[in-house]
Amino acid sequence: MEKIDVFAHVLLPNYYEKMLNIDSTIPESYAFTNIESLKDLRVRRKLWNGTTKQIVSYANINAEDYCNPEDAARLCREANEELINSVRENNDMFSYGIGMLPFNNVEESLHILDEIASSKELVGVQVFTRHLGKSIASERILTNFKKVCASWITCFTSSSI
């Protein structure tokens, strides 16, 4: 039986470096950033069992928690591209990726959602339980989430894995 790990997180180097340039205290705030197999795919590969495929998504360092809406959208696009490249380059280990959206920029989230929906490597979007320092159930985040979700359902019901 084929096994798939759908909760496989990564912290790919270009995105992580950009986030550190924005806030160098991230490692003190998030202990998981010290896990080498999140940041270094060579280390991850050494620990991999060779058979379980992974659907990868970024560890919980959201661009929107650190950036204005425009910069968050740019960083999410760049992170998604880096994730796509990692899936392509490691397709023996990674089945697919899960894209990021800037929940502080609904308009751009909708455009990025279209990009994710048309990708062969990305099969969904990442929704954390907290965004912008608030629960996803908070009024502000829930309103944005509902807008994005309505389009998300339309995009992903028309595409197939």
C-alpha atoms as a PDB file:
ATOM      1  CA  MET A   1       0.000   0.000   0.000  1.00  0.00           C
ATOM      2  CA  GLU A   2       1.330   3.438  -0.947  1.00  0.00           C
ATOM      3  CA  LYS A   3       1.713   5.833   1.974  1.00  0.00           C
ATOM      4  CA  ILE A   4       1.404   9.600   1.640  1.00  0.00           C
ATOM      5  CA  ASP A   5       2.365  12.112   4.323  1.00  0.00           C
ATOM      6  CA  VAL A   6       0.033  15.083   3.815  1.00  0.00           C
ATOM      7  CA  PHE A   7       1.366  17.043   6.791  1.00  0.00           C
ATOM      8  CA  ALA A   8       4.953  17.350   5.596  1.00  0.00           C
ATOM      9  CA  HIS A   9       6.215  20.861   6.262  1.00  0.00           C
ATOM     10  CA  VAL A  10       9.214  22.597   4.747  1.00  0.00           C
ATOM     11  CA  LEU A  11      10.899  25.933   5.260  1.00  0.00           C
ATOM     12  CA  LEU A  12      12.585  26.371   1.917  1.00  0.00           C
ATOM     13  CA  PRO A  13      15.752  28.482   1.939  1.00  0.00           C
ATOM     14  CA  ASN A  14      14.816  31.458  -0.258  1.00  0.00           C
ATOM     15  CA  TYR A  15      11.519  32.101   1.525  1.00  0.00           C
ATOM     16  CA  TYR A  16      13.056  31.579   4.956  1.00  0.00           C
ATOM     17  CA  GLU A  17      15.945  33.942   4.168  1.00  0.00           C
ATOM     18  CA  LYS A  18      13.513  36.640   3.014  1.00  0.00           C
ATOM     19  CA  MET A  19      11.487  36.217   6.187  1.00  0.00           C
ATOM     20  CA  LEU A  20      14.658  36.473   8.308  1.00  0.00           C
ATOM     21  CA  ASN A  21      15.556  39.691   6.488  1.00  0.00           C
ATOM     22  CA  ILE A  22      12.168  41.044   7.549  1.00  0.00           C
ATOM     23  CA  ASP A  23      12.397  39.769  11.136  1.00  0.00           C
ATOM     24  CA  SER A  24      15.644  38.293  12.374  1.00  0.00           C
ATOM     25  CA  THR A  25      13.986  37.186  15.635  1.00  0.00           C
ATOM     26  CA  ILE A  26      11.877  34.492  13.941  1.00  0.00           C
ATOM     27  CA  PRO A  27      14.142  31.672  15.228  1.00  0.00           C
ATOM     28  CA  GLU A  28      13.649  32.856  18.813  1.00  0.00           C
ATOM     29  CA  SER A  29       9.874  32.974  18.328  1.00  0.00           C
ATOM     30  CA  TYR A  30       9.524  29.646  16.521  1.00  0.00           C
ATOM     31  CA  ALA A  31      11.592  26.755  17.863  1.00  0.00           C
ATOM     32  CA  PHE A  32      10.646  24.591  14.866  1.00  0.00           C
ATOM     33  CA  THR A  33      12.937  26.721  12.689  1.00  0.00           C
ATOM     34  CA  ASN A  34      15.833  24.812  14.280  1.00  0.00           C
ATOM     35  CA  ILE A  35      14.697  21.534  12.687  1.00  0.00           C
ATOM     36  CA  GLU A  36      17.257  21.062   9.924  1.00  0.00           C
ATOM     37  CA  SER A  37      15.104  18.708   7.848  1.00  0.00           C
ATOM     38  CA  LEU A  38      12.612  21.553   7.349  1.00  0.00           C
ATOM     39  CA  LYS A  39      15.264  23.837   5.875  1.00  0.00           C
ATOM     40  CA  ASP A  40      17.686  21.460   4.192  1.00  0.00           C
ATOM     41  CA  LEU A  41      16.278  18.961   1.708  1.00  0.00           C
ATOM     42  CA  ARG A  42      19.551  16.984   1.753  1.00  0.00           C
ATOM     43  CA  VAL A  43      19.016  16.322   5.469  1.00  0.00           C
ATOM     44  CA  ARG A  44      15.363  15.515   4.806  1.00  0.00           C
ATOM     45  CA  ARG A  45      16.312  13.061   2.074  1.00  0.00           C
ATOM     46  CA  LYS A  46      18.727  11.249   4.430  1.00  0.00           C
ATOM     47  CA  LEU A  47      15.876  10.831   6.943  1.00  0.00           C
ATOM     48  CA  TRP A  48      13.306   9.829   4.308  1.00  0.00           C
ATOM     49  CA  ASN A  49      12.315   6.152   4.248  1.00  0.00           C
ATOM     50  CA  GLY A  50      12.455   6.091   0.444  1.00  0.00           C
ATOM     51  CA  THR A  51       8.840   5.108  -0.096  1.00  0.00           C
ATOM     52  CA  THR A  52       6.426   7.439   1.704  1.00  0.00           C
ATOM     53  CA  LYS A  53       5.532  10.276  -0.651  1.00  0.00           C
ATOM     54  CA  GLN A  54       5.028  13.737   0.855  1.00  0.00           C
ATOM     55  CA  ILE A  55       2.614  16.528   0.066  1.00  0.00           C
ATOM     56  CA  VAL A  56       4.614  19.495   1.283  1.00  0.00           C
ATOM     57  CA  SER A  57       3.554  22.832   2.688  1.00  0.00           C
ATOM     58  CA  TYR A  58       5.412  25.646   4.382  1.00  0.00           C
ATOM     59  CA  ALA A  59       5.906  25.666   8.129  1.00  0.00           C
ATOM     60  CA  ASN A  60       3.775  28.267   9.889  1.00  0.00           C
ATOM     61  CA  ILE A  61       5.620  31.499   9.164  1.00  0.00           C
ATOM     62  CA  ASN A  62       2.987  33.481   7.276  1.00  0.00           C
ATOM     63  CA  ALA A  63       4.090  36.405   5.128  1.00  0.00           C
ATOM     64  CA  GLU A  64       0.956  38.350   6.059  1.00  0.00           C
ATOM     65  CA  ASP A  65       1.976  38.317   9.721  1.00  0.00           C
ATOM     66  CA  TYR A  66       5.081  40.341   8.845  1.00  0.00           C
ATOM     67  CA  CYS A  67       4.274  42.351   5.724  1.00  0.00           C
ATOM     68  CA  ASN A  68       1.904  44.821   4.193  1.00  0.00           C
ATOM     69  CA  PRO A  69      -0.632  43.298   1.764  1.00  0.00           C
ATOM     70  CA  GLU A  70       1.419  43.947  -1.394  1.00  0.00           C
ATOM     71  CA  ASP A  71       4.658  42.511  -0.008  1.00  0.00           C
ATOM     72  CA  ALA A  72       2.798  39.536   1.460  1.00  0.00           C
ATOM     73  CA  ALA A  73       1.329  38.741  -1.972  1.00  0.00           C
ATOM     74  CA  ARG A  74       4.754  39.005  -3.612  1.00  0.00           C
ATOM     75  CA  LEU A  75       6.337  36.764  -0.979  1.00  0.00           C
ATOM     76  CA  CYS A  76       3.561  34.172  -1.309  1.00  0.00           C
ATOM     77  CA  ARG A  77       4.011  34.064  -5.072  1.00  0.00           C
ATOM     78  CA  GLU A  78       7.768  33.638  -4.690  1.00  0.00           C
ATOM     79  CA  ALA A  79       7.295  30.983  -1.996  1.00  0.00           C
ATOM     80  CA  ASN A  80       4.830  29.105  -4.185  1.00  0.00           C
ATOM     81  CA  GLU A  81       7.281  29.174  -7.094  1.00  0.00           C
ATOM     82  CA  GLU A  82      10.055  27.885  -4.846  1.00  0.00           C
ATOM     83  CA  LEU A  83       7.724  25.120  -3.653  1.00  0.00           C
ATOM     84  CA  ILE A  84       6.794  24.188  -7.236  1.00  0.00           C
ATOM     85  CA  ASN A  85      10.489  23.925  -8.117  1.00  0.00           C
ATOM     86  CA  SER A  86      11.168  21.776  -5.048  1.00  0.00           C
ATOM     87  CA  VAL A  87       8.331  19.416  -5.969  1.00  0.00           C
ATOM     88  CA  ARG A  88       9.661  19.121  -9.518  1.00  0.00           C
ATOM     89  CA  GLU A  89      13.252  18.577  -8.401  1.00  0.00           C
ATOM     90  CA  ASN A  90      12.285  16.036  -5.724  1.00  0.00           C
ATOM     91  CA  ASN A  91       9.364  14.291  -7.392  1.00  0.00           C
ATOM     92  CA  ASP A  92      10.510  10.920  -6.077  1.00  0.00           C
ATOM     93  CA  MET A  93       9.892  12.216  -2.542  1.00  0.00           C
ATOM     94  CA  PHE A  94       7.251  14.938  -3.038  1.00  0.00           C
ATOM     95  CA  SER A  95       3.929  14.177  -4.725  1.00  0.00           C
ATOM     96  CA  TYR A  96       2.564  17.714  -4.586  1.00  0.00           C
ATOM     97  CA  GLY A  97       2.757  20.993  -2.732  1.00  0.00           C
ATOM     98  CA  ILE A  98       0.220  23.141  -0.920  1.00  0.00           C
ATOM     99  CA  GLY A  99       0.374  26.832  -1.870  1.00  0.00           C
ATOM    100  CA  MET A 100       0.345  29.910   0.339  1.00  0.00           C
ATOM    101  CA  LEU A 101      -2.080  32.831   0.164  1.00  0.00           C
ATOM    102  CA  PRO A 102      -1.754  36.299   1.719  1.00  0.00           C
ATOM    103  CA  PHE A 103      -4.923  36.457   3.817  1.00  0.00           C
ATOM    104  CA  ASN A 104      -4.342  40.181   4.389  1.00  0.00           C
ATOM    105  CA  ASN A 105      -4.800  40.748   0.638  1.00  0.00           C
ATOM    106  CA  VAL A 106      -8.028  39.154  -0.552  1.00  0.00           C
ATOM    107  CA  GLU A 107      -7.814  40.504  -4.110  1.00  0.00           C
ATOM    108  CA  GLU A 108      -4.324  39.092  -4.660  1.00  0.00           C
ATOM    109  CA  SER A 109      -5.275  35.882  -2.836  1.00  0.00           C
ATOM    110  CA  LEU A 110      -7.925  35.323  -5.473  1.00  0.00           C
ATOM    111  CA  HIS A 111      -5.381  35.830  -8.281  1.00  0.00           C
ATOM    112  CA  ILE A 112      -2.854  33.562  -6.581  1.00  0.00           C
ATOM    113  CA  LEU A 113      -5.613  31.016  -6.078  1.00  0.00           C
ATOM    114  CA  ASP A 114      -6.113  30.919  -9.849  1.00  0.00           C
ATOM    115  CA  GLU A 115      -2.362  30.347 -10.263  1.00  0.00           C
ATOM    116  CA  ILE A 116      -2.433  27.508  -7.731  1.00  0.00           C
ATOM    117  CA  ALA A 117      -5.488  25.935  -9.342  1.00  0.00           C
ATOM    118  CA  SER A 118      -3.741  25.818 -12.724  1.00  0.00           C
ATOM    119  CA  SER A 119      -0.520  24.366 -11.310  1.00  0.00           C
ATOM    120  CA  LYS A 120       0.355  20.717 -11.828  1.00  0.00           C
ATOM    121  CA  GLU A 121       2.483  20.711  -8.674  1.00  0.00           C
ATOM    122  CA  LEU A 122       0.204  22.554  -6.234  1.00  0.00           C
ATOM    123  CA  VAL A 123      -3.055  20.901  -5.208  1.00  0.00           C
ATOM    124  CA  GLY A 124      -4.479  23.187  -2.550  1.00  0.00           C
ATOM    125  CA  VAL A 125      -3.957  26.142  -0.287  1.00  0.00           C
ATOM    126  CA  GLN A 126      -2.663  26.271   3.206  1.00  0.00           C
ATOM    127  CA  VAL A 127      -4.968  27.550   5.916  1.00  0.00           C
ATOM    128  CA  PHE A 128      -3.389  27.966   9.328  1.00  0.00           C
ATOM    129  CA  THR A 129      -5.436  28.155  12.507  1.00  0.00           C
ATOM    130  CA  ARG A 130      -3.928  31.590  13.110  1.00  0.00           C
ATOM    131  CA  HIS A 131      -3.387  34.431  10.645  1.00  0.00           C
ATOM    132  CA  LEU A 132      -2.324  38.001  11.377  1.00  0.00           C
ATOM    133  CA  GLY A 133      -1.910  36.972  15.012  1.00  0.00           C
ATOM    134  CA  LYS A 134      -5.592  36.096  15.259  1.00  0.00           C
ATOM    135  CA  SER A 135      -7.640  32.931  15.191  1.00  0.00           C
ATOM    136  CA  ILE A 136      -9.024  32.055  11.785  1.00  0.00           C
ATOM    137  CA  ALA A 137     -12.451  32.336  13.445  1.00  0.00           C
ATOM    138  CA  SER A 138     -11.902  36.029  14.276  1.00  0.00           C
ATOM    139  CA  GLU A 139     -14.171  38.462  12.416  1.00  0.00           C
ATOM    140  CA  ARG A 140     -11.460  39.960  10.185  1.00  0.00           C
ATOM    141  CA  ILE A 141      -9.846  36.676   9.179  1.00  0.00           C
ATOM    142  CA  LEU A 142     -13.133  34.803   8.841  1.00  0.00           C
ATOM    143  CA  THR A 143     -14.477  37.472   6.465  1.00  0.00           C
ATOM    144  CA  ASN A 144     -11.371  37.220   4.264  1.00  0.00           C
ATOM    145  CA  PHE A 145     -11.358  33.444   4.535  1.00  0.00           C
ATOM    146  CA  LYS A 146     -14.996  33.214   3.385  1.00  0.00           C
ATOM    147  CA  LYS A 147     -14.237  35.355   0.321  1.00  0.00           C
ATOM    148  CA  VAL A 148     -11.231  33.260  -0.591  1.00  0.00           C
ATOM    149  CA  CYS A 149     -13.064  30.013   0.184  1.00  0.00           C
ATOM    150  CA  ALA A 150     -15.906  30.790  -2.200  1.00  0.00           C
ATOM    151  CA  SER A 151     -13.416  31.132  -5.067  1.00  0.00           C
ATOM    152  CA  TRP A 152     -11.314  28.236  -3.820  1.00  0.00           C
ATOM    153  CA  ILE A 153     -14.240  25.826  -4.042  1.00  0.00           C
ATOM    154  CA  THR A 154     -14.922  26.970  -7.600  1.00  0.00           C
ATOM    155  CA  CYS A 155     -11.268  26.643  -8.661  1.00  0.00           C
ATOM    156  CA  PHE A 156     -10.546  23.278  -7.131  1.00  0.00           C
ATOM    157  CA  THR A 157     -13.785  21.567  -8.066  1.00  0.00           C
ATOM    158  CA  SER A 158     -12.973  22.290 -11.701  1.00  0.00           C
ATOM    159  CA  SER A 159      -9.384  20.943 -11.497  1.00  0.00           C
ATOM    160  CA  SER A 160      -8.240  17.425 -10.792  1.00  0.00           C
ATOM    161  CA  ILE A 161      -5.217  15.840  -9.172  1.00  0.00           C
END
